[in-house]
Structures are given as structure tokens and as C-alpha cells.
Amino acid sequence: MDFTDIAATRAGLHAFELQGIDLLPPLDPALEEFWTTVELPLTPAWPCRCKVVRPRPAPGAAPRPLVVLFFGGAFAVGTPDMVTRPARDVAARLGAVVVAPDYQRRPEHAFPAPGHSAWALLAHLARRAADPAFGADPARGFVVGGVSAGGSLAVVCGALAAAGPPRAAALGVEPLAAPLTGVFANGPLLLAPETVPGEFRAVFTSRDENAGLEGFNNPQVDEVLAFYQPDVASPWFSPLAVLDDIGTGGTVPPKFYFQVGRLDTLRDDAVVVEKLLARKGVPTRIDVLPDDGHTAWVALPVESRSTNPTIEEATMAGFEWLLS
């Protein structure tokens, strides 16, 4: 990814997103799709644009679960349009209100701003999901998900929620007024080699195995980290920082569904974190798609290679499990 001209890279990727949306089937007439803006109480306050896809409101309709989907793009590029494809299908097939928000990114906003802004949006939705702009009921299901960088944010927020309100308060952020019930993460960046627990270093091999592959490879991960400049020990980068708090204080952790490609250089970030969460008693599932690299079921007109299941089938089955 070219970080030397962020404006041009953003414009090019957004054009690719819109090209992919143009190739999608027409919007299901039972759905509506629109944009709304949430003023987040950051310092300074920040307007968060959100793309909302939901079943058309109808008198007497059952309350709708809430799904939040964060897009990918190395914490620097991308827009909510990227996740239009899964947003439409989750809304149509599972009856959910899907919110695809923006979040603060580099270089305008330094780490940990992406995580802070993602959490602030979740805190707003936990309190205001029933507002007309959304029309959801988190008690029917409250899932946060994302792809790539967005998947990283989803796991970070999910782990912080699982660690309980005292941990959120200790970090100076508002605890969620409604509990998260599920986390979807495709291809998340969650670990640096030096943070991998010793017992898992022998299985943390995907960075080396896939270092020379085309697409998103190990040198590009290093470029992302150099640009993002995270504190790799921070809970805004990795769930390892709050792992000891999960399962304490009576907080019921959400389910976690991870999805990675076998040929993804970030494969073992998800593999290791899934094992650690499962050890803490968190309900988890993981799909390692055998023929894919760093790819996701999104609006970008790039198809995956895996079959039985396809990435679409795996994604929908994952969301069905998270909302069950």
C-alpha cells in the first residue's frame, strides 16, 4: 500500500469500492440504505459518518438485532462503502440493522485514535440504538465485526467489553450500556512477533510461511505497523492486554468468530488469539479458508478461491451463529 500519497490511495480505493457496488444486485426492495452522522464525544468532538442498511420499518415488526461492521484499509484508507455487500446480506437474510461506520485513521489521527473512535461509536449505539436513525434493539443481539483493520478494531472492542466495565473505566472510556453478544473478525492484525506468548511461538508461523506471496505479505505488515505506530502492548492494539480480566466480575463475554485465509500472513494472529480466548471460557469459532490469502467478502470486486465453504457461506454461517 502506498502511504506516501494518502489522498490518492484513498481516492483509488474508494473508486474500486464504488465499482464493486455497481456490480452488486439491486438493493432488495425490502431494505433501505442511507447515511447518517453521529457526533462522537471525542476531544475534539468528531462527526462519524455511518452507512445504515436495514429492513424497512413496518408497524408491529419484531425488534431488530444490531450489527456494526468496520471496513479495512491499514488504519489509513477505505470507507464504509467497502462492507456494503455483507451489510446488505446480513440485513436481508438475518433481519438485522447493520451500521457501517467511519473511524479515525492515520495520518490525521495517531494511535490509539482508531480504537477510541470505534469504541465511542459502539458506546453511542449501545445507548441510542432505538433512535429512528437506527431502529435496533441490542437485547436481540449486538454484534461488532470488521475486515482486516476493521476486524482488528472489532476484536479489540470485543475483548475490552468482555473484560468488563471496570476495565473500560480504567482506560477512561464509557462502559457499554448494552452488552456485546458477538464479534466477527476477518483477517485481523492483533499481534507483533514480540508479543506472542512463548507457548505459541512454534505455531505462529504464517508471517514467515506467507512472506513472499503476492498481495498482503509480511513486508507489507511491517509497513503498516511502521505507519500506524501502535503501542503493541496496549489494549487498543491487542486483546492480550485485557486477557486476564476476561471472565472476572460476572461479565458474560461475547462469542468470537474468526475468519482467515490459510495463505494470509495474518492467519496466526487469529489462530493464537482464538486459542487464548477459548482457554478463558469464551465461546469461539474459527474458519481457516484453505485457498485464500488476505481477502474478505466485501464490495471490492475481488473473489475468493475457497469452496465448501465459500467465503460468503462462511461469513453468513458465522453471523448466524453470532446472532443465534
Protein backbone atom coordinates (compact mmCIF):
# COMPACT_ATOMS: atom_id res chain seq x y z
CA MET A 1 0.00 0.00 0.00
CA ASP A 2 1.28 3.47 -0.92
CA PHE A 3 1.45 5.58 2.25
CA THR A 4 3.34 8.42 0.53
CA ASP A 5 0.20 9.96 -1.00
CA ILE A 6 -2.69 9.01 1.24
CA ALA A 7 -5.19 11.20 -0.59
CA ALA A 8 -4.52 9.46 -3.90
CA THR A 9 -4.56 5.99 -2.30
CA ARG A 10 -7.87 6.74 -0.60
CA ALA A 11 -9.39 8.03 -3.82
CA GLY A 12 -8.24 5.00 -5.77
CA LEU A 13 -9.59 2.52 -3.23
CA HIS A 14 -12.91 4.35 -2.95
CA ALA A 15 -13.31 4.22 -6.73
CA PHE A 16 -12.69 0.46 -6.50
CA GLU A 17 -15.32 0.18 -3.74
CA LEU A 18 -17.90 2.02 -5.85
CA GLN A 19 -17.04 -0.15 -8.86
CA GLY A 20 -17.78 -3.20 -6.75
CA ILE A 21 -21.09 -1.77 -5.51
CA ASP A 22 -22.12 -1.14 -9.12
CA LEU A 23 -21.63 -4.87 -9.79
CA LEU A 24 -23.89 -5.95 -6.92
CA PRO A 25 -27.51 -6.93 -7.50
CA PRO A 26 -30.02 -4.11 -6.96
CA LEU A 27 -30.86 -3.34 -3.34
CA ASP A 28 -33.54 -5.71 -2.06
CA PRO A 29 -36.81 -3.70 -2.04
CA ALA A 30 -37.43 -4.94 1.49
CA LEU A 31 -34.34 -3.00 2.62
CA GLU A 32 -33.43 0.65 2.90
CA GLU A 33 -29.92 2.08 2.76
CA PHE A 34 -28.91 5.57 3.85
CA TRP A 35 -26.23 7.66 5.53
CA THR A 36 -26.40 9.30 8.95
CA THR A 37 -23.88 11.15 11.09
CA VAL A 38 -23.17 10.61 14.80
CA GLU A 39 -21.34 13.33 16.72
CA LEU A 40 -18.91 11.40 18.92
CA PRO A 41 -17.78 12.96 22.23
CA LEU A 42 -14.07 12.73 21.48
CA THR A 43 -11.56 15.52 22.04
CA PRO A 44 -12.33 17.41 19.90
CA ALA A 45 -15.81 16.14 19.03
CA TRP A 46 -15.81 14.18 15.79
CA PRO A 47 -18.61 13.59 13.25
CA CYS A 48 -18.77 9.87 12.41
CA ARG A 49 -20.48 9.10 9.10
CA CYS A 50 -22.35 5.80 9.13
CA LYS A 51 -23.91 3.82 6.33
CA VAL A 52 -27.07 2.11 7.59
CA VAL A 53 -28.67 -0.91 5.88
CA ARG A 54 -31.83 -2.27 7.46
CA PRO A 55 -35.19 -3.90 6.77
CA ARG A 56 -37.78 -1.24 6.04
CA PRO A 57 -39.59 -0.35 9.29
CA ALA A 58 -43.10 -1.75 9.49
CA PRO A 59 -45.80 -1.47 12.18
CA GLY A 60 -45.73 -4.44 14.50
CA ALA A 61 -42.36 -5.73 13.25
CA ALA A 62 -40.23 -7.57 15.79
CA PRO A 63 -37.29 -5.68 17.28
CA ARG A 64 -34.15 -5.95 15.15
CA PRO A 65 -30.67 -7.03 16.30
CA LEU A 66 -27.79 -4.62 15.75
CA VAL A 67 -24.67 -5.40 13.73
CA VAL A 68 -21.77 -2.93 13.40
CA LEU A 69 -19.27 -3.51 10.58
CA PHE A 70 -15.90 -1.75 10.35
CA PHE A 71 -14.10 -1.60 6.99
CA GLY A 72 -10.44 -2.40 6.34
CA GLY A 73 -7.58 -0.38 4.93
CA ALA A 74 -4.45 -0.49 7.14
CA PHE A 75 -5.93 2.02 9.60
CA ALA A 76 -5.41 4.67 6.90
CA VAL A 77 -7.71 4.20 3.89
CA GLY A 78 -11.09 2.69 2.97
CA THR A 79 -14.68 3.80 3.61
CA PRO A 80 -17.90 2.23 4.94
CA ASP A 81 -18.85 1.51 1.31
CA MET A 82 -16.37 -1.38 1.44
CA VAL A 83 -18.68 -3.51 3.58
CA THR A 84 -21.88 -2.80 1.62
CA ARG A 85 -22.00 -6.36 0.31
CA PRO A 86 -22.12 -8.20 3.67
CA ALA A 87 -24.22 -5.38 5.19
CA ARG A 88 -26.98 -5.94 2.65
CA ASP A 89 -26.99 -9.71 3.03
CA VAL A 90 -26.89 -9.69 6.83
CA ALA A 91 -29.78 -7.22 6.86
CA ALA A 92 -31.81 -9.17 4.28
CA ARG A 93 -31.18 -12.72 5.48
CA LEU A 94 -30.94 -12.21 9.22
CA GLY A 95 -33.22 -9.21 9.70
CA ALA A 96 -30.55 -7.10 11.38
CA VAL A 97 -29.95 -3.37 11.38
CA VAL A 98 -26.40 -3.04 10.03
CA VAL A 99 -24.37 0.08 10.75
CA ALA A 100 -21.12 0.58 8.82
CA PRO A 101 -19.28 3.47 10.48
CA ASP A 102 -16.23 5.50 9.69
CA TYR A 103 -13.44 5.68 12.29
CA GLN A 104 -10.47 7.94 12.88
CA ARG A 105 -7.39 6.95 10.88
CA ARG A 106 -3.75 7.75 10.27
CA PRO A 107 -2.13 10.10 9.45
CA GLU A 108 -4.68 12.65 10.69
CA HIS A 109 -5.30 10.70 13.91
CA ALA A 110 -2.48 8.89 15.69
CA PHE A 111 -2.80 5.61 17.59
CA PRO A 112 -4.91 4.84 19.60
CA ALA A 113 -7.49 7.07 17.87
CA PRO A 114 -8.89 4.29 15.62
CA GLY A 115 -9.77 2.15 18.64
CA HIS A 116 -11.02 5.10 20.69
CA SER A 117 -13.36 6.25 17.92
CA ALA A 118 -14.62 2.72 17.25
CA TRP A 119 -15.41 2.25 20.95
CA ALA A 120 -17.08 5.68 21.18
CA LEU A 121 -19.38 4.74 18.28
CA LEU A 122 -20.28 1.43 19.99
CA ALA A 123 -20.97 3.28 23.26
CA HIS A 124 -23.29 5.67 21.41
CA LEU A 125 -25.15 2.83 19.72
CA ALA A 126 -25.46 0.91 22.99
CA ARG A 127 -27.39 3.89 24.39
CA ARG A 128 -29.20 5.10 21.27
CA ALA A 129 -29.81 2.04 19.09
CA ALA A 130 -33.58 2.56 19.32
CA ASP A 131 -33.32 6.07 17.80
CA PRO A 132 -35.13 6.43 14.45
CA ALA A 133 -31.78 6.66 12.64
CA PHE A 134 -31.12 3.03 13.62
CA GLY A 135 -34.23 1.33 14.99
CA ALA A 136 -32.47 -1.62 16.60
CA ASP A 137 -32.66 -3.41 19.93
CA PRO A 138 -29.27 -4.62 21.26
CA ALA A 139 -31.10 -7.02 23.57
CA ARG A 140 -31.93 -9.02 20.40
CA GLY A 141 -28.23 -9.21 19.54
CA PHE A 142 -25.36 -6.72 19.46
CA VAL A 143 -22.53 -7.81 17.18
CA VAL A 144 -19.42 -5.87 16.20
CA GLY A 145 -17.44 -7.04 13.20
CA GLY A 146 -14.94 -5.98 10.63
CA VAL A 147 -12.45 -6.95 7.98
CA SER A 148 -8.66 -6.53 8.16
CA ALA A 149 -8.01 -3.33 10.17
CA GLY A 150 -11.74 -3.25 10.90
CA GLY A 151 -11.51 -6.81 12.20
CA SER A 152 -8.69 -5.71 14.49
CA LEU A 153 -10.89 -2.95 15.90
CA ALA A 154 -13.78 -5.40 16.37
CA VAL A 155 -11.61 -7.82 18.38
CA VAL A 156 -10.08 -5.02 20.46
CA CYS A 157 -13.53 -3.66 21.32
CA GLY A 158 -14.94 -7.13 21.91
CA ALA A 159 -12.14 -8.05 24.29
CA LEU A 160 -12.48 -4.78 26.19
CA ALA A 161 -16.22 -5.40 26.52
CA ALA A 162 -15.51 -8.95 27.73
CA ALA A 163 -13.09 -7.58 30.33
CA GLY A 164 -15.98 -5.70 31.96
CA PRO A 165 -16.94 -2.11 32.83
CA PRO A 166 -14.14 -1.58 35.39
CA ARG A 167 -11.51 -2.13 32.69
CA ALA A 168 -13.23 0.33 30.35
CA ALA A 169 -13.49 2.87 33.15
CA ALA A 170 -9.80 2.40 33.97
CA LEU A 171 -9.00 3.30 30.35
CA GLY A 172 -11.11 6.46 30.64
CA VAL A 173 -13.84 5.35 28.23
CA GLU A 174 -17.57 4.92 28.70
CA PRO A 175 -18.63 1.34 29.50
CA LEU A 176 -21.18 -0.06 27.08
CA ALA A 177 -24.77 0.38 28.28
CA ALA A 178 -25.76 -2.80 26.45
CA PRO A 179 -23.52 -5.88 26.32
CA LEU A 180 -21.91 -7.01 23.12
CA THR A 181 -23.09 -10.50 22.21
CA GLY A 182 -20.82 -11.31 19.27
CA VAL A 183 -17.61 -10.40 17.45
CA PHE A 184 -16.82 -11.11 13.77
CA ALA A 185 -13.20 -10.67 12.67
CA ASN A 186 -11.81 -11.35 9.21
CA GLY A 187 -8.01 -11.20 8.85
CA PRO A 188 -7.28 -9.08 11.94
CA LEU A 189 -3.84 -7.73 12.90
CA LEU A 190 -3.63 -8.49 16.63
CA LEU A 191 -0.05 -9.44 17.48
CA ALA A 192 3.52 -8.36 16.98
CA PRO A 193 6.10 -11.16 16.96
CA GLU A 194 7.49 -9.98 20.31
CA THR A 195 4.06 -10.15 21.97
CA VAL A 196 3.27 -13.76 21.02
CA PRO A 197 3.19 -15.88 24.20
CA GLY A 198 6.12 -18.27 24.35
CA GLU A 199 3.99 -21.41 24.23
CA PHE A 200 2.51 -20.29 20.89
CA ARG A 201 5.67 -19.16 19.09
CA ALA A 202 6.07 -22.57 17.45
CA VAL A 203 2.62 -22.24 15.80
CA PHE A 204 2.96 -18.54 14.94
CA THR A 205 4.39 -19.29 11.53
CA SER A 206 2.17 -17.57 8.96
CA ARG A 207 4.27 -14.39 8.83
CA ASP A 208 7.22 -16.46 7.59
CA GLU A 209 5.28 -19.03 5.55
CA ASN A 210 3.49 -16.36 3.53
CA ALA A 211 6.21 -13.72 3.49
CA GLY A 212 6.82 -13.89 -0.26
CA LEU A 213 3.29 -14.33 -1.53
CA GLU A 214 1.67 -11.79 -3.80
CA GLY A 215 -0.79 -9.44 -2.15
CA PHE A 216 -0.67 -8.61 1.53
CA ASN A 217 2.56 -10.21 2.73
CA ASN A 218 4.95 -9.92 5.65
CA PRO A 219 6.89 -6.88 4.37
CA GLN A 220 3.58 -5.07 3.95
CA VAL A 221 2.57 -5.91 7.52
CA ASP A 222 5.82 -4.28 8.62
CA GLU A 223 4.95 -1.21 6.50
CA VAL A 224 1.52 -0.98 8.12
CA LEU A 225 2.99 -1.21 11.62
CA ALA A 226 5.64 1.39 10.80
CA PHE A 227 2.94 3.76 9.54
CA TYR A 228 0.38 3.02 12.26
CA GLN A 229 2.97 3.16 15.09
CA PRO A 230 0.90 1.36 17.71
CA ASP A 231 1.89 0.53 21.25
CA VAL A 232 1.79 -3.24 20.74
CA ALA A 233 1.27 -3.80 24.49
CA SER A 234 -1.82 -1.57 24.54
CA PRO A 235 -5.38 -2.91 24.80
CA TRP A 236 -6.18 -0.65 21.81
CA PHE A 237 -3.90 -2.87 19.69
CA SER A 238 -4.26 -6.37 21.10
CA PRO A 239 -6.71 -8.30 23.30
CA LEU A 240 -3.73 -9.82 25.12
CA ALA A 241 -3.59 -6.67 27.26
CA VAL A 242 -7.00 -7.38 28.84
CA LEU A 243 -6.94 -11.17 28.70
CA ASP A 244 -6.54 -11.60 32.46
CA ASP A 245 -9.72 -9.59 33.11
CA ILE A 246 -11.95 -11.69 30.84
CA GLY A 247 -14.24 -13.95 32.81
CA THR A 248 -13.92 -11.95 36.03
CA GLY A 249 -16.51 -9.73 37.68
CA GLY A 250 -19.51 -11.56 36.27
CA THR A 251 -19.31 -10.09 32.75
CA VAL A 252 -20.63 -12.51 30.13
CA PRO A 253 -18.19 -12.37 27.18
CA PRO A 254 -19.47 -12.19 23.62
CA LYS A 255 -18.99 -15.00 21.14
CA PHE A 256 -15.98 -14.57 18.83
CA TYR A 257 -15.94 -15.78 15.22
CA PHE A 258 -12.61 -15.53 13.37
CA GLN A 259 -12.18 -15.97 9.62
CA VAL A 260 -8.78 -16.12 7.93
CA GLY A 261 -7.17 -17.48 4.81
CA ARG A 262 -4.58 -20.23 5.10
CA LEU A 263 -2.31 -18.14 2.86
CA ASP A 264 -2.82 -14.92 4.85
CA THR A 265 0.29 -13.59 6.56
CA LEU A 266 -2.02 -12.62 9.47
CA ARG A 267 -3.53 -16.10 9.76
CA ASP A 268 -1.89 -16.96 13.04
CA ASP A 269 -2.84 -13.69 14.72
CA ALA A 270 -6.38 -15.07 14.72
CA VAL A 271 -5.33 -18.67 15.41
CA VAL A 272 -3.38 -17.74 18.55
CA VAL A 273 -5.94 -15.25 19.90
CA GLU A 274 -8.80 -17.70 19.32
CA LYS A 275 -6.97 -20.32 21.37
CA LEU A 276 -6.29 -17.84 24.20
CA LEU A 277 -9.91 -16.67 24.32
CA ALA A 278 -11.23 -20.24 24.27
CA ARG A 279 -8.94 -21.05 27.20
CA LYS A 280 -10.67 -18.24 29.13
CA GLY A 281 -14.04 -19.88 28.51
CA VAL A 282 -15.10 -17.54 25.71
CA PRO A 283 -17.30 -19.20 23.04
CA THR A 284 -15.22 -19.17 19.84
CA ARG A 285 -15.23 -20.45 16.28
CA ILE A 286 -12.62 -20.09 13.56
CA ASP A 287 -12.62 -20.82 9.83
CA VAL A 288 -9.29 -21.10 8.02
CA LEU A 289 -10.19 -20.90 4.33
CA PRO A 290 -7.73 -23.24 2.58
CA ASP A 291 -7.17 -21.46 -0.75
CA ASP A 292 -7.33 -17.80 0.27
CA GLY A 293 -4.91 -15.17 1.42
CA HIS A 294 -5.80 -11.81 2.94
CA THR A 295 -9.27 -11.48 1.48
CA ALA A 296 -12.79 -10.89 2.70
CA TRP A 297 -16.37 -10.98 1.49
CA VAL A 298 -16.78 -7.27 0.74
CA ALA A 299 -17.90 -4.99 -2.06
CA LEU A 300 -14.48 -4.90 -3.71
CA PRO A 301 -14.71 -6.85 -6.99
CA VAL A 302 -12.14 -9.47 -5.93
CA GLU A 303 -13.39 -13.02 -5.49
CA SER A 304 -12.05 -15.63 -3.10
CA ARG A 305 -10.82 -19.06 -4.19
CA SER A 306 -12.01 -21.32 -1.38
CA THR A 307 -15.04 -23.56 -1.79
CA ASN A 308 -17.05 -25.73 0.58
CA PRO A 309 -17.48 -23.32 2.22
CA THR A 310 -17.06 -20.25 0.08
CA ILE A 311 -16.15 -17.07 1.93
CA GLU A 312 -19.77 -15.90 1.53
CA GLU A 313 -21.09 -19.14 3.02
CA ALA A 314 -18.60 -19.00 5.89
CA THR A 315 -19.42 -15.36 6.61
CA MET A 316 -23.18 -15.88 6.70
CA ALA A 317 -22.85 -19.03 8.82
CA GLY A 318 -20.62 -17.06 11.20
CA PHE A 319 -23.16 -14.28 11.57
CA GLU A 320 -25.98 -16.79 12.04
CA TRP A 321 -24.02 -18.37 14.89
CA LEU A 322 -23.22 -14.98 16.45
CA LEU A 323 -26.87 -13.92 16.33
CA SER A 324 -28.31 -17.27 17.42
